[in-house]
Amino acid sequence: MTVSRSGRRYAGWAYGRFMEELIRKPLTIKLSPVVQGLLYNRSESSLIEIVAEFADNLRESHGELLQKRNFATVSKLATELGYQVVGSPRQNVDFYVERPFFGSSFRLRGKRVTYLSNPITEEEARATIAHDIMHSLFETTDGQRPGNLPSDEIEEKLCDYGACRLLISKAELATVIAHGAGGNVASNIARVAGYFNIPRRYAAMRLFDPLCPLSNSGLTAIVEWRRKSGPTEEPHTSVVPTWSVCRKAFIPWLGSKRSCHARRESIVANAMSEDPYFRFSAVEDTNIGSLKGNYLVSVCVLGPKESPYRRVVSVFEDIG
């Protein structure tokens, strides 16, 4: 979806802040006419509750299909809902380097079309299709967008939220976490993403669901890190965020104008040189973007040491 210029006023907001604002009744932030239309005759519900109901109903009516957590099933769901999916995934794609987006949706001869970027992983393809399905919630009864207006940042975040609920069932999520890696939240995110065949950032977003009792009230930020290509003065300066999901903090990611890197001798910087599946948790003084203070930091290392696909998933929890 194309994001409207006016919607960019909220572009610097953390995902958790969006969730907190969009569950309010009445809302305190300005909405586009498209998003306002969703609240028409639904003033008793919050935006989050409306999107959650839509996603949960889809999951209930197509539960048997979605039990098979692969590309073919979510593509079939899109087809049953009137979409044409163009493109298919492949493995071993370093998408953070190759391009900044994963797909787009548009109408062609009256039919919804979801176009997948090439190349794209199966995890990202599933998330992209589910996200585009959520955009249908904002259409009128004749399948058109009100005023033919583009989406804004709020609609995009709501579609991410709905896609997470569509692809990750609460019951299965609880089971996966219950059998997790000894309380290491970073490892649990990797487990959830692998089980549901979704991007790890979607697993992270699901943990910030304000309607989900599994959400940890102390959970402050989840950040995934990679090695930046090219020469660097010191090893820790090459360890940079690829994405973050935060309650309130802002963490610049690789490619943004205000990028940041891991601190020297920090838990994250040291973890980047550890063996695959290394897990560790400790309290650390943190200073990443606007995330500052003492936090319980959990890390999980993924990928071979010298692989360009090596990642460190880190979780920051408030210790009160």
C-alpha atoms as a PDB file:
ATOM      1  CA  MET A   1       0.000   0.000   0.000  1.00  0.00           C
ATOM      2  CA  THR A   2       1.115   3.548  -0.665  1.00  0.00           C
ATOM      3  CA  VAL A   3       1.403   5.543   2.553  1.00  0.00           C
ATOM      4  CA  SER A   4      -0.111   9.001   2.475  1.00  0.00           C
ATOM      5  CA  ARG A   5       2.061  12.011   3.202  1.00  0.00           C
ATOM      6  CA  SER A   6      -0.201  13.177   6.041  1.00  0.00           C
ATOM      7  CA  GLY A   7       0.104   9.801   7.768  1.00  0.00           C
ATOM      8  CA  ARG A   8       3.855  10.190   8.179  1.00  0.00           C
ATOM      9  CA  ARG A   9       3.369  12.456  11.204  1.00  0.00           C
ATOM     10  CA  TYR A  10       3.398   9.275  13.309  1.00  0.00           C
ATOM     11  CA  ALA A  11       6.283   7.556  11.489  1.00  0.00           C
ATOM     12  CA  GLY A  12       8.658   7.905  14.470  1.00  0.00           C
ATOM     13  CA  TRP A  13       6.245   6.331  16.955  1.00  0.00           C
ATOM     14  CA  ALA A  14       7.103   3.030  18.588  1.00  0.00           C
ATOM     15  CA  TYR A  15       4.831   0.067  17.826  1.00  0.00           C
ATOM     16  CA  GLY A  16       3.816  -0.235  21.480  1.00  0.00           C
ATOM     17  CA  ARG A  17       2.823   3.413  21.581  1.00  0.00           C
ATOM     18  CA  PHE A  18       0.538   2.864  18.591  1.00  0.00           C
ATOM     19  CA  MET A  19      -1.075  -0.062  20.387  1.00  0.00           C
ATOM     20  CA  GLU A  20      -1.641   1.968  23.540  1.00  0.00           C
ATOM     21  CA  GLU A  21      -3.130   4.897  21.617  1.00  0.00           C
ATOM     22  CA  LEU A  22      -5.344   2.843  19.297  1.00  0.00           C
ATOM     23  CA  ILE A  23      -7.004   0.926  22.118  1.00  0.00           C
ATOM     24  CA  ARG A  24      -8.177   4.178  23.735  1.00  0.00           C
ATOM     25  CA  LYS A  25     -11.823   5.240  23.708  1.00  0.00           C
ATOM     26  CA  PRO A  26     -12.130   8.012  22.674  1.00  0.00           C
ATOM     27  CA  LEU A  27      -9.006   8.373  20.576  1.00  0.00           C
ATOM     28  CA  THR A  28      -6.623  11.258  21.129  1.00  0.00           C
ATOM     29  CA  ILE A  29      -4.837  11.095  17.759  1.00  0.00           C
ATOM     30  CA  LYS A  30      -5.951  12.301  14.350  1.00  0.00           C
ATOM     31  CA  LEU A  31      -7.275   9.659  11.952  1.00  0.00           C
ATOM     32  CA  SER A  32      -7.480   9.602   8.186  1.00  0.00           C
ATOM     33  CA  PRO A  33     -10.973   9.494   6.626  1.00  0.00           C
ATOM     34  CA  VAL A  34     -10.349   5.849   5.715  1.00  0.00           C
ATOM     35  CA  VAL A  35      -9.586   4.798   9.290  1.00  0.00           C
ATOM     36  CA  GLN A  36     -12.384   6.999  10.636  1.00  0.00           C
ATOM     37  CA  GLY A  37     -14.785   5.056   8.432  1.00  0.00           C
ATOM     38  CA  LEU A  38     -13.908   1.897  10.331  1.00  0.00           C
ATOM     39  CA  LEU A  39     -15.312   3.429  13.517  1.00  0.00           C
ATOM     40  CA  TYR A  40     -18.596   4.417  11.876  1.00  0.00           C
ATOM     41  CA  ASN A  41     -21.403   2.941  13.996  1.00  0.00           C
ATOM     42  CA  ARG A  42     -18.761   1.128  16.080  1.00  0.00           C
ATOM     43  CA  SER A  43     -18.054   3.801  18.673  1.00  0.00           C
ATOM     44  CA  GLU A  44     -18.336   1.239  21.470  1.00  0.00           C
ATOM     45  CA  SER A  45     -15.222  -0.550  20.187  1.00  0.00           C
ATOM     46  CA  SER A  46     -11.616   0.575  19.875  1.00  0.00           C
ATOM     47  CA  LEU A  47      -9.728   0.300  16.586  1.00  0.00           C
ATOM     48  CA  ILE A  48      -7.634  -2.501  18.050  1.00  0.00           C
ATOM     49  CA  GLU A  49     -10.752  -4.453  19.059  1.00  0.00           C
ATOM     50  CA  ILE A  50     -12.314  -4.056  15.593  1.00  0.00           C
ATOM     51  CA  VAL A  51      -9.186  -5.292  13.806  1.00  0.00           C
ATOM     52  CA  ALA A  52      -8.725  -8.127  16.313  1.00  0.00           C
ATOM     53  CA  GLU A  53     -12.322  -9.280  15.791  1.00  0.00           C
ATOM     54  CA  PHE A  54     -11.880  -9.252  12.002  1.00  0.00           C
ATOM     55  CA  ALA A  55      -8.625 -11.247  12.170  1.00  0.00           C
ATOM     56  CA  ASP A  56      -9.952 -13.699  14.767  1.00  0.00           C
ATOM     57  CA  ASN A  57     -13.124 -14.341  12.738  1.00  0.00           C
ATOM     58  CA  LEU A  58     -11.025 -15.052   9.647  1.00  0.00           C
ATOM     59  CA  ARG A  59      -8.860 -17.441  11.624  1.00  0.00           C
ATOM     60  CA  GLU A  60     -11.917 -19.196  13.067  1.00  0.00           C
ATOM     61  CA  SER A  61     -13.625 -19.595   9.694  1.00  0.00           C
ATOM     62  CA  HIS A  62     -10.425 -20.771   7.972  1.00  0.00           C
ATOM     63  CA  GLY A  63      -8.758 -22.438  10.942  1.00  0.00           C
ATOM     64  CA  GLU A  64      -8.260 -25.820   9.294  1.00  0.00           C
ATOM     65  CA  LEU A  65      -6.547 -24.192   6.331  1.00  0.00           C
ATOM     66  CA  LEU A  66      -4.291 -22.003   8.491  1.00  0.00           C
ATOM     67  CA  GLN A  67      -3.188 -24.988  10.596  1.00  0.00           C
ATOM     68  CA  LYS A  68      -0.834 -25.755   7.727  1.00  0.00           C
ATOM     69  CA  ARG A  69       1.704 -23.011   8.236  1.00  0.00           C
ATOM     70  CA  ASN A  70       3.108 -22.654   4.710  1.00  0.00           C
ATOM     71  CA  PHE A  71       2.940 -20.274   1.770  1.00  0.00           C
ATOM     72  CA  ALA A  72       0.393 -22.325  -0.189  1.00  0.00           C
ATOM     73  CA  THR A  73      -2.262 -22.166   2.543  1.00  0.00           C
ATOM     74  CA  VAL A  74      -2.152 -18.405   3.147  1.00  0.00           C
ATOM     75  CA  SER A  75      -2.067 -17.880  -0.623  1.00  0.00           C
ATOM     76  CA  LYS A  76      -5.161 -20.089  -0.940  1.00  0.00           C
ATOM     77  CA  LEU A  77      -6.862 -18.075   1.802  1.00  0.00           C
ATOM     78  CA  ALA A  78      -6.170 -14.885  -0.156  1.00  0.00           C
ATOM     79  CA  THR A  79      -7.619 -16.472  -3.292  1.00  0.00           C
ATOM     80  CA  GLU A  80     -10.781 -17.514  -1.441  1.00  0.00           C
ATOM     81  CA  LEU A  81     -11.138 -13.910  -0.264  1.00  0.00           C
ATOM     82  CA  GLY A  82     -10.911 -12.546  -3.806  1.00  0.00           C
ATOM     83  CA  TYR A  83      -7.188 -11.789  -4.104  1.00  0.00           C
ATOM     84  CA  GLN A  84      -4.789 -12.724  -6.867  1.00  0.00           C
ATOM     85  CA  VAL A  85      -1.292 -13.398  -5.515  1.00  0.00           C
ATOM     86  CA  VAL A  86       1.527 -12.661  -7.961  1.00  0.00           C
ATOM     87  CA  GLY A  87       4.964 -14.036  -7.102  1.00  0.00           C
ATOM     88  CA  SER A  88       6.345 -16.804  -4.905  1.00  0.00           C
ATOM     89  CA  PRO A  89       9.023 -17.086  -2.219  1.00  0.00           C
ATOM     90  CA  ARG A  90      12.458 -18.649  -2.096  1.00  0.00           C
ATOM     91  CA  GLN A  91      14.962 -19.296   0.680  1.00  0.00           C
ATOM     92  CA  ASN A  92      18.256 -17.614   1.659  1.00  0.00           C
ATOM     93  CA  VAL A  93      17.212 -14.060   0.904  1.00  0.00           C
ATOM     94  CA  ASP A  94      19.035 -11.257   2.714  1.00  0.00           C
ATOM     95  CA  PHE A  95      16.116  -8.879   2.239  1.00  0.00           C
ATOM     96  CA  TYR A  96      17.464  -6.142   4.523  1.00  0.00           C
ATOM     97  CA  VAL A  97      20.238  -5.530   2.010  1.00  0.00           C
ATOM     98  CA  GLU A  98      18.385  -6.071  -1.238  1.00  0.00           C
ATOM     99  CA  ARG A  99      15.319  -3.858  -0.789  1.00  0.00           C
ATOM    100  CA  PRO A 100      13.242  -1.968   1.783  1.00  0.00           C
ATOM    101  CA  PHE A 101       9.805  -3.493   1.059  1.00  0.00           C
ATOM    102  CA  PHE A 102       8.283  -6.915   0.476  1.00  0.00           C
ATOM    103  CA  GLY A 103       5.239  -6.343  -1.696  1.00  0.00           C
ATOM    104  CA  SER A 104       2.321  -4.149  -2.636  1.00  0.00           C
ATOM    105  CA  SER A 105      -1.378  -4.426  -3.331  1.00  0.00           C
ATOM    106  CA  PHE A 106      -3.565  -2.767  -5.925  1.00  0.00           C
ATOM    107  CA  ARG A 107      -6.706  -3.306  -7.988  1.00  0.00           C
ATOM    108  CA  LEU A 108      -6.568  -4.543 -11.552  1.00  0.00           C
ATOM    109  CA  ARG A 109      -9.797  -4.804 -13.554  1.00  0.00           C
ATOM    110  CA  GLY A 110     -11.791  -4.864 -10.335  1.00  0.00           C
ATOM    111  CA  LYS A 111      -9.718  -7.631  -8.719  1.00  0.00           C
ATOM    112  CA  ARG A 112      -7.451  -7.239  -5.700  1.00  0.00           C
ATOM    113  CA  VAL A 113      -3.857  -8.118  -6.566  1.00  0.00           C
ATOM    114  CA  THR A 114      -1.076  -8.762  -4.049  1.00  0.00           C
ATOM    115  CA  TYR A 115       2.322  -8.469  -5.690  1.00  0.00           C
ATOM    116  CA  LEU A 116       5.260 -10.110  -3.873  1.00  0.00           C
ATOM    117  CA  SER A 117       8.714  -8.630  -4.316  1.00  0.00           C
ATOM    118  CA  ASN A 118      11.399 -10.844  -5.811  1.00  0.00           C
ATOM    119  CA  PRO A 119      13.246 -12.360  -4.057  1.00  0.00           C
ATOM    120  CA  ILE A 120      11.262 -12.904  -0.853  1.00  0.00           C
ATOM    121  CA  THR A 121      11.363 -15.566   1.855  1.00  0.00           C
ATOM    122  CA  GLU A 122       8.375 -17.773   2.639  1.00  0.00           C
ATOM    123  CA  GLU A 123       8.072 -16.126   6.071  1.00  0.00           C
ATOM    124  CA  GLU A 124       7.907 -12.628   4.573  1.00  0.00           C
ATOM    125  CA  ALA A 125       5.546 -13.763   1.803  1.00  0.00           C
ATOM    126  CA  ARG A 126       3.081 -15.144   4.365  1.00  0.00           C
ATOM    127  CA  ALA A 127       3.246 -11.938   6.401  1.00  0.00           C
ATOM    128  CA  THR A 128       2.836  -9.735   3.301  1.00  0.00           C
ATOM    129  CA  ILE A 129      -0.281 -11.600   2.133  1.00  0.00           C
ATOM    130  CA  ALA A 130      -1.835 -11.538   5.620  1.00  0.00           C
ATOM    131  CA  HIS A 131      -1.091  -7.809   5.899  1.00  0.00           C
ATOM    132  CA  ASP A 132      -2.764  -7.104   2.537  1.00  0.00           C
ATOM    133  CA  ILE A 133      -5.823  -9.141   3.546  1.00  0.00           C
ATOM    134  CA  MET A 134      -6.214  -6.820   6.545  1.00  0.00           C
ATOM    135  CA  HIS A 135      -6.453  -3.808   4.215  1.00  0.00           C
ATOM    136  CA  SER A 136      -9.787  -5.187   2.965  1.00  0.00           C
ATOM    137  CA  LEU A 137     -11.271  -4.261   6.350  1.00  0.00           C
ATOM    138  CA  PHE A 138     -10.912  -0.598   5.373  1.00  0.00           C
ATOM    139  CA  GLU A 139     -12.823  -0.937   2.087  1.00  0.00           C
ATOM    140  CA  THR A 140     -16.453  -0.029   1.536  1.00  0.00           C
ATOM    141  CA  THR A 141     -19.098  -2.646   0.732  1.00  0.00           C
ATOM    142  CA  ASP A 142     -18.379  -2.322  -3.000  1.00  0.00           C
ATOM    143  CA  GLY A 143     -14.705  -3.115  -2.454  1.00  0.00           C
ATOM    144  CA  GLN A 144     -13.427   0.448  -2.896  1.00  0.00           C
ATOM    145  CA  ARG A 145     -11.354   2.591  -0.554  1.00  0.00           C
ATOM    146  CA  PRO A 146     -13.230   5.670   0.727  1.00  0.00           C
ATOM    147  CA  GLY A 147     -12.313   8.560  -1.530  1.00  0.00           C
ATOM    148  CA  ASN A 148      -9.774   6.290  -3.232  1.00  0.00           C
ATOM    149  CA  LEU A 149      -7.322   7.535  -0.574  1.00  0.00           C
ATOM    150  CA  PRO A 150      -3.991   5.806   0.140  1.00  0.00           C
ATOM    151  CA  SER A 151      -3.225   4.216   3.486  1.00  0.00           C
ATOM    152  CA  ASP A 152      -1.443   6.042   6.296  1.00  0.00           C
ATOM    153  CA  GLU A 153       0.913   4.971   9.076  1.00  0.00           C
ATOM    154  CA  ILE A 154      -1.957   4.145  11.435  1.00  0.00           C
ATOM    155  CA  GLU A 155      -3.671   1.866   8.915  1.00  0.00           C
ATOM    156  CA  GLU A 156      -0.362   0.136   8.165  1.00  0.00           C
ATOM    157  CA  LYS A 157       0.239  -0.568  11.869  1.00  0.00           C
ATOM    158  CA  LEU A 158      -3.317  -1.853  12.277  1.00  0.00           C
ATOM    159  CA  CYS A 159      -2.800  -4.191   9.308  1.00  0.00           C
ATOM    160  CA  ASP A 160       0.435  -5.468  10.850  1.00  0.00           C
ATOM    161  CA  TYR A 161      -1.453  -6.074  14.087  1.00  0.00           C
ATOM    162  CA  GLY A 162      -4.270  -7.925  12.330  1.00  0.00           C
ATOM    163  CA  ALA A 163      -1.827 -10.018  10.308  1.00  0.00           C
ATOM    164  CA  CYS A 164      -0.085 -11.085  13.528  1.00  0.00           C
ATOM    165  CA  ARG A 165      -3.386 -12.252  15.036  1.00  0.00           C
ATOM    166  CA  LEU A 166      -4.358 -14.017  11.816  1.00  0.00           C
ATOM    167  CA  LEU A 167      -1.094 -15.983  11.560  1.00  0.00           C
ATOM    168  CA  ILE A 168      -0.419 -16.587  15.277  1.00  0.00           C
ATOM    169  CA  SER A 169      -3.189 -18.190  17.326  1.00  0.00           C
ATOM    170  CA  LYS A 170      -3.235 -17.336  21.032  1.00  0.00           C
ATOM    171  CA  ALA A 171      -3.619 -20.964  22.131  1.00  0.00           C
ATOM    172  CA  GLU A 172      -0.681 -22.217  20.088  1.00  0.00           C
ATOM    173  CA  LEU A 173       1.395 -19.184  21.059  1.00  0.00           C
ATOM    174  CA  ALA A 174       0.901 -20.029  24.738  1.00  0.00           C
ATOM    175  CA  THR A 175       1.966 -23.621  24.119  1.00  0.00           C
ATOM    176  CA  VAL A 176       5.109 -22.651  22.216  1.00  0.00           C
ATOM    177  CA  ILE A 177       6.135 -20.159  24.912  1.00  0.00           C
ATOM    178  CA  ALA A 178       5.371 -22.651  27.703  1.00  0.00           C
ATOM    179  CA  HIS A 179       7.860 -25.067  26.133  1.00  0.00           C
ATOM    180  CA  GLY A 180      10.372 -22.272  25.583  1.00  0.00           C
ATOM    181  CA  ALA A 181      14.045 -21.980  26.343  1.00  0.00           C
ATOM    182  CA  GLY A 182      14.095 -21.557  30.124  1.00  0.00           C
ATOM    183  CA  GLY A 183      12.511 -18.139  30.176  1.00  0.00           C
ATOM    184  CA  ASN A 184      14.867 -16.561  27.639  1.00  0.00           C
ATOM    185  CA  VAL A 185      12.409 -14.312  25.777  1.00  0.00           C
ATOM    186  CA  ALA A 186      14.783 -13.781  22.848  1.00  0.00           C
ATOM    187  CA  SER A 187      14.903 -17.546  22.250  1.00  0.00           C
ATOM    188  CA  ASN A 188      11.124 -17.756  22.535  1.00  0.00           C
ATOM    189  CA  ILE A 189      10.730 -15.160  19.767  1.00  0.00           C
ATOM    190  CA  ALA A 190      12.886 -17.291  17.481  1.00  0.00           C
ATOM    191  CA  ARG A 191      10.846 -20.390  18.459  1.00  0.00           C
ATOM    192  CA  VAL A 192       7.514 -18.661  17.807  1.00  0.00           C
ATOM    193  CA  ALA A 193       8.694 -17.354  14.429  1.00  0.00           C
ATOM    194  CA  GLY A 194       9.955 -20.786  13.385  1.00  0.00           C
ATOM    195  CA  TYR A 195       6.808 -22.587  14.539  1.00  0.00           C
ATOM    196  CA  PHE A 196       4.397 -20.242  12.749  1.00  0.00           C
ATOM    197  CA  ASN A 197       6.692 -19.709   9.740  1.00  0.00           C
ATOM    198  CA  ILE A 198       6.636 -15.927  10.083  1.00  0.00           C
ATOM    199  CA  PRO A 199       9.249 -13.138  10.329  1.00  0.00           C
ATOM    200  CA  ARG A 200      10.699 -12.729  13.812  1.00  0.00           C
ATOM    201  CA  ARG A 201       9.502  -9.124  13.982  1.00  0.00           C
ATOM    202  CA  TYR A 202       5.903 -10.414  13.648  1.00  0.00           C
ATOM    203  CA  ALA A 203       6.500 -12.752  16.596  1.00  0.00           C
ATOM    204  CA  ALA A 204       7.832  -9.729  18.492  1.00  0.00           C
ATOM    205  CA  MET A 205       4.778  -7.628  17.614  1.00  0.00           C
ATOM    206  CA  ARG A 206       2.437 -10.377  18.833  1.00  0.00           C
ATOM    207  CA  LEU A 207       3.997 -10.111  22.294  1.00  0.00           C
ATOM    208  CA  PHE A 208       3.017  -6.419  22.395  1.00  0.00           C
ATOM    209  CA  ASP A 209      -0.662  -7.209  21.753  1.00  0.00           C
ATOM    210  CA  PRO A 210      -2.632  -5.154  24.318  1.00  0.00           C
ATOM    211  CA  LEU A 211      -5.500  -7.674  24.161  1.00  0.00           C
ATOM    212  CA  CYS A 212      -3.227 -10.679  24.744  1.00  0.00           C
ATOM    213  CA  PRO A 213      -2.738 -11.767  28.372  1.00  0.00           C
ATOM    214  CA  LEU A 214       0.641 -13.266  27.412  1.00  0.00           C
ATOM    215  CA  SER A 215       2.070  -9.771  27.022  1.00  0.00           C
ATOM    216  CA  ASN A 216       4.747  -9.060  29.626  1.00  0.00           C
ATOM    217  CA  SER A 217       4.139  -5.687  31.277  1.00  0.00           C
ATOM    218  CA  GLY A 218       7.910  -5.284  31.744  1.00  0.00           C
ATOM    219  CA  LEU A 219       8.696  -5.964  28.097  1.00  0.00           C
ATOM    220  CA  THR A 220      10.199  -2.728  26.779  1.00  0.00           C
ATOM    221  CA  ALA A 221      11.964  -3.414  23.477  1.00  0.00           C
ATOM    222  CA  ILE A 222      12.859  -6.224  21.096  1.00  0.00           C
ATOM    223  CA  VAL A 223      15.693  -5.558  18.647  1.00  0.00           C
ATOM    224  CA  GLU A 224      17.314  -7.755  16.009  1.00  0.00           C
ATOM    225  CA  TRP A 225      20.922  -7.021  15.048  1.00  0.00           C
ATOM    226  CA  ARG A 226      23.214  -7.883  12.129  1.00  0.00           C
ATOM    227  CA  ARG A 227      26.728  -7.138  10.959  1.00  0.00           C
ATOM    228  CA  LYS A 228      26.955  -4.128   8.684  1.00  0.00           C
ATOM    229  CA  SER A 229      28.982  -4.793   5.539  1.00  0.00           C
ATOM    230  CA  GLY A 230      32.082  -2.739   4.791  1.00  0.00           C
ATOM    231  CA  PRO A 231      35.091  -1.654   6.864  1.00  0.00           C
ATOM    232  CA  THR A 232      34.601  -0.373  10.418  1.00  0.00           C
ATOM    233  CA  GLU A 233      37.010   1.117  12.938  1.00  0.00           C
ATOM    234  CA  GLU A 234      36.022  -1.297  15.727  1.00  0.00           C
ATOM    235  CA  PRO A 235      34.042  -4.577  15.654  1.00  0.00           C
ATOM    236  CA  HIS A 236      31.155  -3.319  17.805  1.00  0.00           C
ATOM    237  CA  THR A 237      30.423  -0.468  15.375  1.00  0.00           C
ATOM    238  CA  SER A 238      29.488  -3.015  12.687  1.00  0.00           C
ATOM    239  CA  VAL A 239      26.713  -4.490  14.886  1.00  0.00           C
ATOM    240  CA  VAL A 240      23.582  -2.553  13.912  1.00  0.00           C
ATOM    241  CA  PRO A 241      19.792  -2.941  14.338  1.00  0.00           C
ATOM    242  CA  THR A 242      17.799  -4.334  11.404  1.00  0.00           C
ATOM    243  CA  TRP A 243      14.411  -3.870  13.078  1.00  0.00           C
ATOM    244  CA  SER A 244      12.963  -3.074  16.473  1.00  0.00           C
ATOM    245  CA  VAL A 245       9.592  -3.396  18.200  1.00  0.00           C
ATOM    246  CA  CYS A 246       9.387  -1.132  21.253  1.00  0.00           C
ATOM    247  CA  ARG A 247       6.843  -0.076  23.815  1.00  0.00           C
ATOM    248  CA  LYS A 248       7.842   3.585  23.710  1.00  0.00           C
ATOM    249  CA  ALA A 249      11.519   3.938  22.779  1.00  0.00           C
ATOM    250  CA  PHE A 250      12.796   4.903  19.339  1.00  0.00           C
ATOM    251  CA  ILE A 251      15.729   2.874  17.998  1.00  0.00           C
ATOM    252  CA  PRO A 252      17.153   3.938  14.609  1.00  0.00           C
ATOM    253  CA  TRP A 253      17.603   0.924  12.345  1.00  0.00           C
ATOM    254  CA  LEU A 254      20.102   0.233   9.567  1.00  0.00           C
ATOM    255  CA  GLY A 255      19.368   2.467   6.593  1.00  0.00           C
ATOM    256  CA  SER A 256      17.701   5.266   8.557  1.00  0.00           C
ATOM    257  CA  LYS A 257      19.219   8.727   8.725  1.00  0.00           C
ATOM    258  CA  ARG A 258      20.049   8.384  12.426  1.00  0.00           C
ATOM    259  CA  SER A 259      21.446   4.859  12.541  1.00  0.00           C
ATOM    260  CA  CYS A 260      23.118   3.506  15.674  1.00  0.00           C
ATOM    261  CA  HIS A 261      25.287   0.541  16.646  1.00  0.00           C
ATOM    262  CA  ALA A 262      25.943  -1.703  19.649  1.00  0.00           C
ATOM    263  CA  ARG A 263      28.094  -0.365  22.477  1.00  0.00           C
ATOM    264  CA  ARG A 264      31.615  -1.669  23.040  1.00  0.00           C
ATOM    265  CA  GLU A 265      31.646  -4.796  25.259  1.00  0.00           C
ATOM    266  CA  SER A 266      27.849  -4.793  25.484  1.00  0.00           C
ATOM    267  CA  ILE A 267      25.916  -8.036  25.729  1.00  0.00           C
ATOM    268  CA  VAL A 268      24.732  -7.660  22.124  1.00  0.00           C
ATOM    269  CA  ALA A 269      28.183  -6.813  20.728  1.00  0.00           C
ATOM    270  CA  ASN A 270      29.802  -9.770  22.510  1.00  0.00           C
ATOM    271  CA  ALA A 271      27.013 -12.142  21.486  1.00  0.00           C
ATOM    272  CA  MET A 272      27.682 -11.484  17.787  1.00  0.00           C
ATOM    273  CA  SER A 273      30.942 -13.480  18.047  1.00  0.00           C
ATOM    274  CA  GLU A 274      29.463 -16.397  20.017  1.00  0.00           C
ATOM    275  CA  ASP A 275      28.444 -19.825  18.690  1.00  0.00           C
ATOM    276  CA  PRO A 276      25.031 -20.332  17.057  1.00  0.00           C
ATOM    277  CA  TYR A 277      22.103 -20.674  19.493  1.00  0.00           C
ATOM    278  CA  PHE A 278      24.104 -19.000  22.266  1.00  0.00           C
ATOM    279  CA  ARG A 279      21.700 -17.637  24.903  1.00  0.00           C
ATOM    280  CA  PHE A 280      22.435 -15.270  27.732  1.00  0.00           C
ATOM    281  CA  SER A 281      20.600 -12.885  30.084  1.00  0.00           C
ATOM    282  CA  ALA A 282      21.926 -10.203  32.432  1.00  0.00           C
ATOM    283  CA  VAL A 283      21.142  -6.719  33.703  1.00  0.00           C
ATOM    284  CA  GLU A 284      22.974  -4.049  31.730  1.00  0.00           C
ATOM    285  CA  ASP A 285      23.134  -0.269  31.511  1.00  0.00           C
ATOM    286  CA  THR A 286      21.589   0.434  28.100  1.00  0.00           C
ATOM    287  CA  ASN A 287      21.927   3.397  25.752  1.00  0.00           C
ATOM    288  CA  ILE A 288      20.434   2.662  22.305  1.00  0.00           C
ATOM    289  CA  GLY A 289      18.549   5.445  20.574  1.00  0.00           C
ATOM    290  CA  SER A 290      16.073   6.714  23.174  1.00  0.00           C
ATOM    291  CA  LEU A 291      16.212   3.429  25.124  1.00  0.00           C
ATOM    292  CA  LYS A 292      18.280   4.350  28.181  1.00  0.00           C
ATOM    293  CA  GLY A 293      18.660   2.884  31.656  1.00  0.00           C
ATOM    294  CA  ASN A 294      19.170  -0.479  33.358  1.00  0.00           C
ATOM    295  CA  TYR A 295      17.325  -3.388  31.729  1.00  0.00           C
ATOM    296  CA  LEU A 296      17.351  -7.160  31.877  1.00  0.00           C
ATOM    297  CA  VAL A 297      18.845  -7.974  28.477  1.00  0.00           C
ATOM    298  CA  SER A 298      18.274 -11.409  26.899  1.00  0.00           C
ATOM    299  CA  VAL A 299      19.994 -12.451  23.674  1.00  0.00           C
ATOM    300  CA  CYS A 300      19.798 -15.385  21.289  1.00  0.00           C
ATOM    301  CA  VAL A 301      22.306 -15.888  18.451  1.00  0.00           C
ATOM    302  CA  LEU A 302      21.119 -17.260  15.096  1.00  0.00           C
ATOM    303  CA  GLY A 303      23.199 -18.312  12.090  1.00  0.00           C
ATOM    304  CA  PRO A 304      26.854 -19.380  11.587  1.00  0.00           C
ATOM    305  CA  LYS A 305      29.571 -17.008  12.790  1.00  0.00           C
ATOM    306  CA  GLU A 306      30.750 -15.802   9.386  1.00  0.00           C
ATOM    307  CA  SER A 307      27.397 -15.982   7.615  1.00  0.00           C
ATOM    308  CA  PRO A 308      25.855 -12.766   6.235  1.00  0.00           C
ATOM    309  CA  TYR A 309      22.587 -14.099   7.698  1.00  0.00           C
ATOM    310  CA  ARG A 310      23.870 -14.128  11.290  1.00  0.00           C
ATOM    311  CA  ARG A 311      21.486 -12.337  13.654  1.00  0.00           C
ATOM    312  CA  VAL A 312      21.283 -11.528  17.359  1.00  0.00           C
ATOM    313  CA  VAL A 313      17.777 -11.211  18.791  1.00  0.00           C
ATOM    314  CA  SER A 314      17.777  -9.077  21.926  1.00  0.00           C
ATOM    315  CA  VAL A 315      15.012  -8.368  24.434  1.00  0.00           C
ATOM    316  CA  PHE A 316      15.028  -5.543  26.969  1.00  0.00           C
ATOM    317  CA  GLU A 317      12.818  -5.900  30.040  1.00  0.00           C
ATOM    318  CA  ASP A 318      12.186  -3.256  32.688  1.00  0.00           C
ATOM    319  CA  ILE A 319      13.494  -4.364  36.076  1.00  0.00           C
ATOM    320  CA  GLY A 320      11.405  -1.774  37.926  1.00  0.00           C
END
